[in-house]
Protein backbone atom coordinates (compact mmCIF):
# COMPACT_ATOMS: atom_id res chain seq x y z
CA MET A 1 -25.90 17.66 15.48
CA LYS A 2 -22.96 17.64 17.57
CA THR A 3 -19.65 18.73 15.54
CA ARG A 4 -17.71 15.75 14.84
CA ASN A 5 -13.74 16.16 15.12
CA VAL A 6 -11.45 13.28 14.19
CA ALA A 7 -7.81 12.34 15.11
CA ILE A 8 -5.86 10.51 12.72
CA ILE A 9 -2.76 8.39 14.01
CA GLY A 10 -0.25 8.35 11.31
CA GLY A 11 0.71 10.56 8.54
CA GLY A 12 1.22 8.14 5.86
CA ILE A 13 -0.36 7.80 2.61
CA SER A 14 -3.45 6.20 4.28
CA GLY A 15 -3.93 8.83 6.69
CA LEU A 16 -3.45 11.56 4.33
CA LEU A 17 -5.99 10.12 1.86
CA CYS A 18 -8.42 9.53 5.03
CA ALA A 19 -7.97 13.22 6.01
CA TYR A 20 -8.47 14.46 2.63
CA TYR A 21 -11.86 12.71 1.95
CA LEU A 22 -13.11 13.26 5.31
CA LYS A 23 -12.59 17.32 4.50
CA LYS A 24 -14.71 16.54 1.56
CA ASN A 25 -17.30 15.57 3.60
CA GLY A 26 -17.03 18.37 5.97
CA ILE A 27 -15.14 16.82 8.80
CA ALA A 28 -12.12 18.22 9.80
CA ALA A 29 -9.36 15.80 10.91
CA GLN A 30 -6.32 16.20 12.89
CA ILE A 31 -3.08 13.89 11.98
CA PHE A 32 -0.71 12.95 14.41
CA GLU A 33 2.65 11.73 13.02
CA SER A 34 5.60 10.37 15.25
CA SER A 35 8.18 11.19 12.61
CA ASP A 36 9.06 14.59 11.39
CA ARG A 37 7.58 14.11 7.80
CA LEU A 38 4.61 12.64 6.26
CA GLY A 39 4.03 10.25 3.79
CA GLY A 40 5.22 7.05 5.26
CA TRP A 41 7.14 4.85 2.82
CA ILE A 42 6.91 7.31 0.10
CA ARG A 43 10.04 9.31 -0.09
CA SER A 44 11.46 11.19 -3.35
CA GLU A 45 14.60 13.02 -3.82
CA ILE A 46 15.48 14.83 -7.15
CA GLN A 47 19.17 14.73 -8.05
CA MET A 48 20.64 16.00 -11.45
CA ASP A 49 17.15 16.13 -13.06
CA CYS A 50 16.44 12.56 -12.03
CA ILE A 51 13.75 11.41 -9.42
CA LEU A 52 15.07 8.92 -7.08
CA GLU A 53 12.42 7.22 -4.97
CA TRP A 54 13.09 5.69 -1.64
CA GLY A 55 9.92 3.68 -1.76
CA PRO A 56 7.04 2.93 -4.44
CA HIS A 57 8.24 4.70 -7.62
CA THR A 58 4.75 4.49 -9.65
CA LEU A 59 1.19 4.27 -8.95
CA LEU A 60 -1.37 1.58 -10.20
CA ALA A 61 -4.12 3.89 -10.71
CA ASP A 62 -7.90 2.94 -10.86
CA GLU A 63 -10.62 5.15 -11.32
CA ASP A 64 -11.02 6.58 -7.80
CA TRP A 65 -7.22 7.30 -8.36
CA LYS A 66 -7.89 9.07 -11.34
CA ASN A 67 -10.23 11.24 -10.07
CA LEU A 68 -8.37 12.13 -7.15
CA ILE A 69 -5.13 12.96 -9.29
CA GLU A 70 -7.76 15.37 -11.52
CA ASP A 71 -9.40 16.88 -8.08
CA LEU A 72 -5.92 17.90 -6.93
CA ASN A 73 -4.50 18.84 -10.32
CA ILE A 74 -1.31 16.63 -9.74
CA PRO A 75 0.85 16.86 -12.62
CA THR A 76 1.66 13.37 -14.01
CA LEU A 77 4.80 11.85 -15.99
CA PRO A 78 4.34 10.09 -19.11
CA LEU A 79 6.18 6.64 -18.29
CA LYS A 80 8.26 4.85 -21.01
CA ARG A 81 8.06 1.07 -21.40
CA SER A 82 11.36 0.32 -19.48
CA ALA A 83 9.63 1.96 -16.47
CA GLN A 84 7.21 -1.15 -16.27
CA ASP A 85 10.42 -3.52 -15.55
CA ARG A 86 10.85 -4.55 -12.04
CA PHE A 87 13.87 -5.52 -10.27
CA ILE A 88 14.71 -7.25 -6.94
CA TYR A 89 17.80 -6.64 -5.05
CA ARG A 90 19.06 -10.24 -4.50
CA ASP A 91 22.30 -11.73 -3.33
CA GLY A 92 24.16 -8.22 -3.86
CA ARG A 93 22.65 -7.63 -7.21
CA LEU A 94 19.73 -6.45 -9.19
CA VAL A 95 17.48 -9.31 -10.86
CA LYS A 96 14.76 -8.39 -13.33
CA LEU A 97 11.49 -9.91 -12.58
CA PRO A 98 10.66 -12.45 -15.26
CA GLU A 99 7.73 -11.28 -17.44
CA GLY A 100 6.02 -14.74 -18.13
CA LEU A 101 6.07 -18.21 -16.93
CA LEU A 102 8.88 -19.44 -19.24
CA GLN A 103 11.14 -16.92 -18.31
CA PHE A 104 10.24 -17.28 -14.67
CA PHE A 105 11.35 -21.15 -14.59
CA PHE A 106 14.48 -20.31 -16.49
CA SER A 107 15.47 -17.12 -14.24
CA ASP A 108 17.30 -17.42 -11.05
CA ILE A 109 15.02 -15.02 -9.28
CA LEU A 110 14.29 -18.11 -6.88
CA THR A 111 16.45 -21.35 -6.20
CA VAL A 112 15.46 -24.61 -8.06
CA LYS A 113 13.77 -25.93 -4.99
CA GLY A 114 11.85 -22.51 -4.70
CA ARG A 115 10.38 -22.89 -8.07
CA LEU A 116 9.53 -26.43 -7.83
CA LEU A 117 7.88 -25.82 -4.41
CA LEU A 118 6.02 -22.59 -5.74
CA LEU A 119 4.55 -24.63 -8.92
CA SER A 120 3.64 -27.60 -6.74
CA LYS A 121 1.67 -25.45 -4.32
CA VAL A 122 0.08 -23.43 -6.71
CA LEU A 123 -1.31 -26.49 -8.89
CA THR A 124 -2.10 -28.45 -5.45
CA THR A 125 -2.97 -26.33 -2.57
CA ARG A 126 -6.50 -26.12 -1.74
CA ARG A 127 -7.83 -24.19 1.84
CA GLU A 128 -10.80 -22.47 2.88
CA LEU A 129 -9.99 -18.87 3.38
CA PRO A 130 -11.60 -16.59 6.73
CA GLU A 131 -13.09 -13.37 6.22
CA ASP A 132 -9.62 -11.71 6.23
CA GLU A 133 -6.10 -12.38 6.80
CA THR A 134 -2.79 -10.72 6.40
CA ILE A 135 -0.88 -10.64 2.84
CA ARG A 136 1.67 -13.02 4.27
CA GLU A 137 -0.85 -15.37 5.73
CA PHE A 138 -2.76 -15.58 2.23
CA PHE A 139 0.11 -16.26 0.20
CA THR A 140 2.52 -18.46 2.00
CA PRO A 141 0.30 -21.55 1.76
CA PHE A 142 0.03 -21.12 -1.78
CA ILE A 143 3.55 -20.35 -3.15
CA GLY A 144 6.03 -21.20 -0.01
CA LYS A 145 7.95 -19.16 2.06
CA GLU A 146 10.75 -18.41 -0.44
CA ALA A 147 8.69 -16.88 -3.24
CA MET A 148 6.71 -15.07 -0.38
CA ASN A 149 9.83 -13.35 0.64
CA THR A 150 11.59 -12.67 -2.57
CA LEU A 151 8.52 -12.06 -4.74
CA VAL A 152 5.52 -10.83 -2.88
CA ASP A 153 6.99 -9.04 -0.05
CA PRO A 154 9.19 -6.56 -2.08
CA PHE A 155 5.92 -6.06 -4.39
CA VAL A 156 3.89 -4.98 -1.30
CA ARG A 157 6.38 -2.69 0.11
CA GLY A 158 7.03 -1.13 -3.34
CA ILE A 159 3.14 -1.15 -4.46
CA PHE A 160 1.54 -0.36 -0.98
CA ALA A 161 4.29 1.06 0.83
CA GLY A 162 3.43 -1.42 4.01
CA SER A 163 4.15 -4.65 5.45
CA ALA A 164 2.84 -7.68 4.33
CA HIS A 165 2.72 -9.09 7.79
CA GLU A 166 0.03 -6.17 8.57
CA LEU A 167 -1.64 -5.26 5.53
CA SER A 168 -5.03 -7.05 4.92
CA ALA A 169 -5.04 -9.35 1.96
CA ALA A 170 -8.74 -8.88 1.32
CA ALA A 171 -8.41 -5.11 0.92
CA THR A 172 -5.15 -5.07 -0.95
CA PHE A 173 -5.46 -8.21 -3.25
CA SER A 174 -9.39 -7.84 -3.15
CA GLU A 175 -10.08 -9.49 -6.52
CA LEU A 176 -7.87 -12.30 -5.97
CA PHE A 177 -8.82 -12.84 -2.49
CA GLN A 178 -12.50 -13.11 -3.27
CA ARG A 179 -11.70 -15.56 -6.19
CA VAL A 180 -9.94 -17.82 -4.21
CA LYS A 181 -12.44 -17.62 -1.56
CA SER A 182 -15.03 -18.72 -3.83
CA LYS A 183 -12.78 -21.45 -5.57
CA SER A 184 -10.74 -22.56 -2.94
CA SER A 185 -7.93 -22.85 -5.31
CA PHE A 186 -5.16 -20.71 -6.10
CA TRP A 187 -4.54 -21.90 -9.52
CA LYS A 188 -8.41 -21.72 -10.44
CA ALA A 189 -8.32 -18.16 -9.34
CA LEU A 190 -5.51 -17.28 -11.39
CA ARG A 191 -6.95 -18.63 -14.48
CA ALA A 192 -10.37 -16.93 -14.10
CA PRO A 193 -11.05 -13.49 -16.23
CA PRO A 194 -10.30 -10.49 -14.35
CA ARG A 195 -13.64 -8.56 -13.04
CA ARG A 196 -12.37 -5.29 -13.75
CA ALA A 197 -10.48 -3.07 -16.30
CA LYS A 198 -6.50 -3.27 -16.07
CA ARG A 199 -5.12 -0.41 -13.95
CA LYS A 200 -2.66 1.94 -15.46
CA SER A 201 0.96 2.92 -14.09
CA VAL A 202 1.30 6.65 -13.29
CA GLY A 203 4.30 8.64 -12.31
CA PHE A 204 4.61 12.39 -10.96
CA LYS A 205 6.80 14.97 -12.10
CA GLY A 206 7.73 15.52 -8.52
CA GLY A 207 8.06 12.01 -7.82
CA MET A 208 5.54 9.92 -5.65
CA GLU A 209 5.90 12.44 -2.59
CA GLN A 210 4.56 14.93 -4.41
CA VAL A 211 1.04 13.35 -4.11
CA ALA A 212 1.84 13.24 -0.21
CA ARG A 213 2.86 17.05 -0.17
CA ILE A 214 -0.10 18.10 -2.34
CA LEU A 215 -2.53 16.21 -0.02
CA GLU A 216 -1.01 17.59 2.97
CA MET A 217 -1.44 21.11 1.48
CA ASN A 218 -5.11 20.47 1.27
CA LEU A 219 -5.58 19.37 4.96
CA SER A 220 -8.23 20.74 7.36
CA LEU A 221 -5.73 21.20 9.88
CA PRO A 222 -1.77 21.27 10.12
CA ALA A 223 -0.34 17.71 10.75
CA ARG A 224 1.36 17.40 14.37
CA ARG A 225 4.68 15.96 13.51
CA ASN A 226 7.11 14.31 16.03
CA CYS A 227 3.93 13.61 18.05
CA LYS A 228 4.00 10.21 19.60
CA ILE A 229 0.71 8.61 20.51
CA LEU A 230 1.06 7.42 24.52
CA GLY A 231 -2.37 6.17 25.03
CA ILE A 232 -6.22 6.49 23.69
CA GLU A 233 -9.01 5.95 26.11
CA GLU A 234 -12.92 6.74 26.20
CA THR A 235 -14.11 9.33 28.69
CA GLN A 236 -17.57 9.16 30.60
CA ASP A 237 -19.26 11.35 27.75
CA ARG A 238 -18.08 9.11 25.26
CA GLN A 239 -15.64 11.13 23.81
CA ILE A 240 -11.93 9.77 22.80
CA LEU A 241 -9.23 11.22 24.82
CA VAL A 242 -5.83 10.96 22.88
CA SER A 243 -2.71 11.37 25.01
CA THR A 244 0.56 12.09 23.11
CA SER A 245 3.99 13.46 23.75
CA GLN A 246 2.73 17.17 23.64
CA GLY A 247 -0.54 16.76 25.69
CA LYS A 248 -4.20 15.32 25.83
CA GLU A 249 -6.88 16.24 23.70
CA CYS A 250 -10.58 14.99 23.13
CA TYR A 251 -12.10 13.88 19.78
CA SER A 252 -15.30 12.23 18.68
CA ASP A 253 -13.85 9.73 16.59
CA VAL A 254 -10.23 8.33 15.97
């Protein structure tokens, strides 16, 4: 059997996880990262015994994440109730996200027009969904542009460390997406009982970046930093030729 060697483009958390699970299955993977650090949006600093997060500050851990944390023996941090509070930077100040429907309609997190439009769209909009679409394409028709930009977009950057313009709605909001797809109604989907156990927020003693650092320590091959991808093409023997700022290499998969 031909030996498989894999190139992974991007050293964010997705690339690191991909390399880790490939290694567990006996497949070596080479990560190419255009910047000088790994982790993508995830970045932590410790100052005066405080953890400062530039990106997501906690992890919503499902069973897969819990197993990974145990496998890698990543030290977790007990979270206080106040750690569940979420704030959005709006108009030069931090605004706390309301915790319930009543709080939401009496808060100034959205303009009055934005709140009324959200209510109207959630209750009345019906649409047939494709097999997949971006998070922005999925949410905007159901809640309006203001709610999308103010509520969903910061949530996506904070939780998934990515862009709502690019991430898959079917992958990131899988349960909600499938509910809406089956019912064609956002309101009916919200009212349906959850199919899986609620995920728990988890913090780490070294910050979220500690996860990226420990994953890096478990790579098959050292990641190539400051290495930009210039092109990808298939050779005559069905290998994948990856052209980078540091040269050209062939891989069986990318």
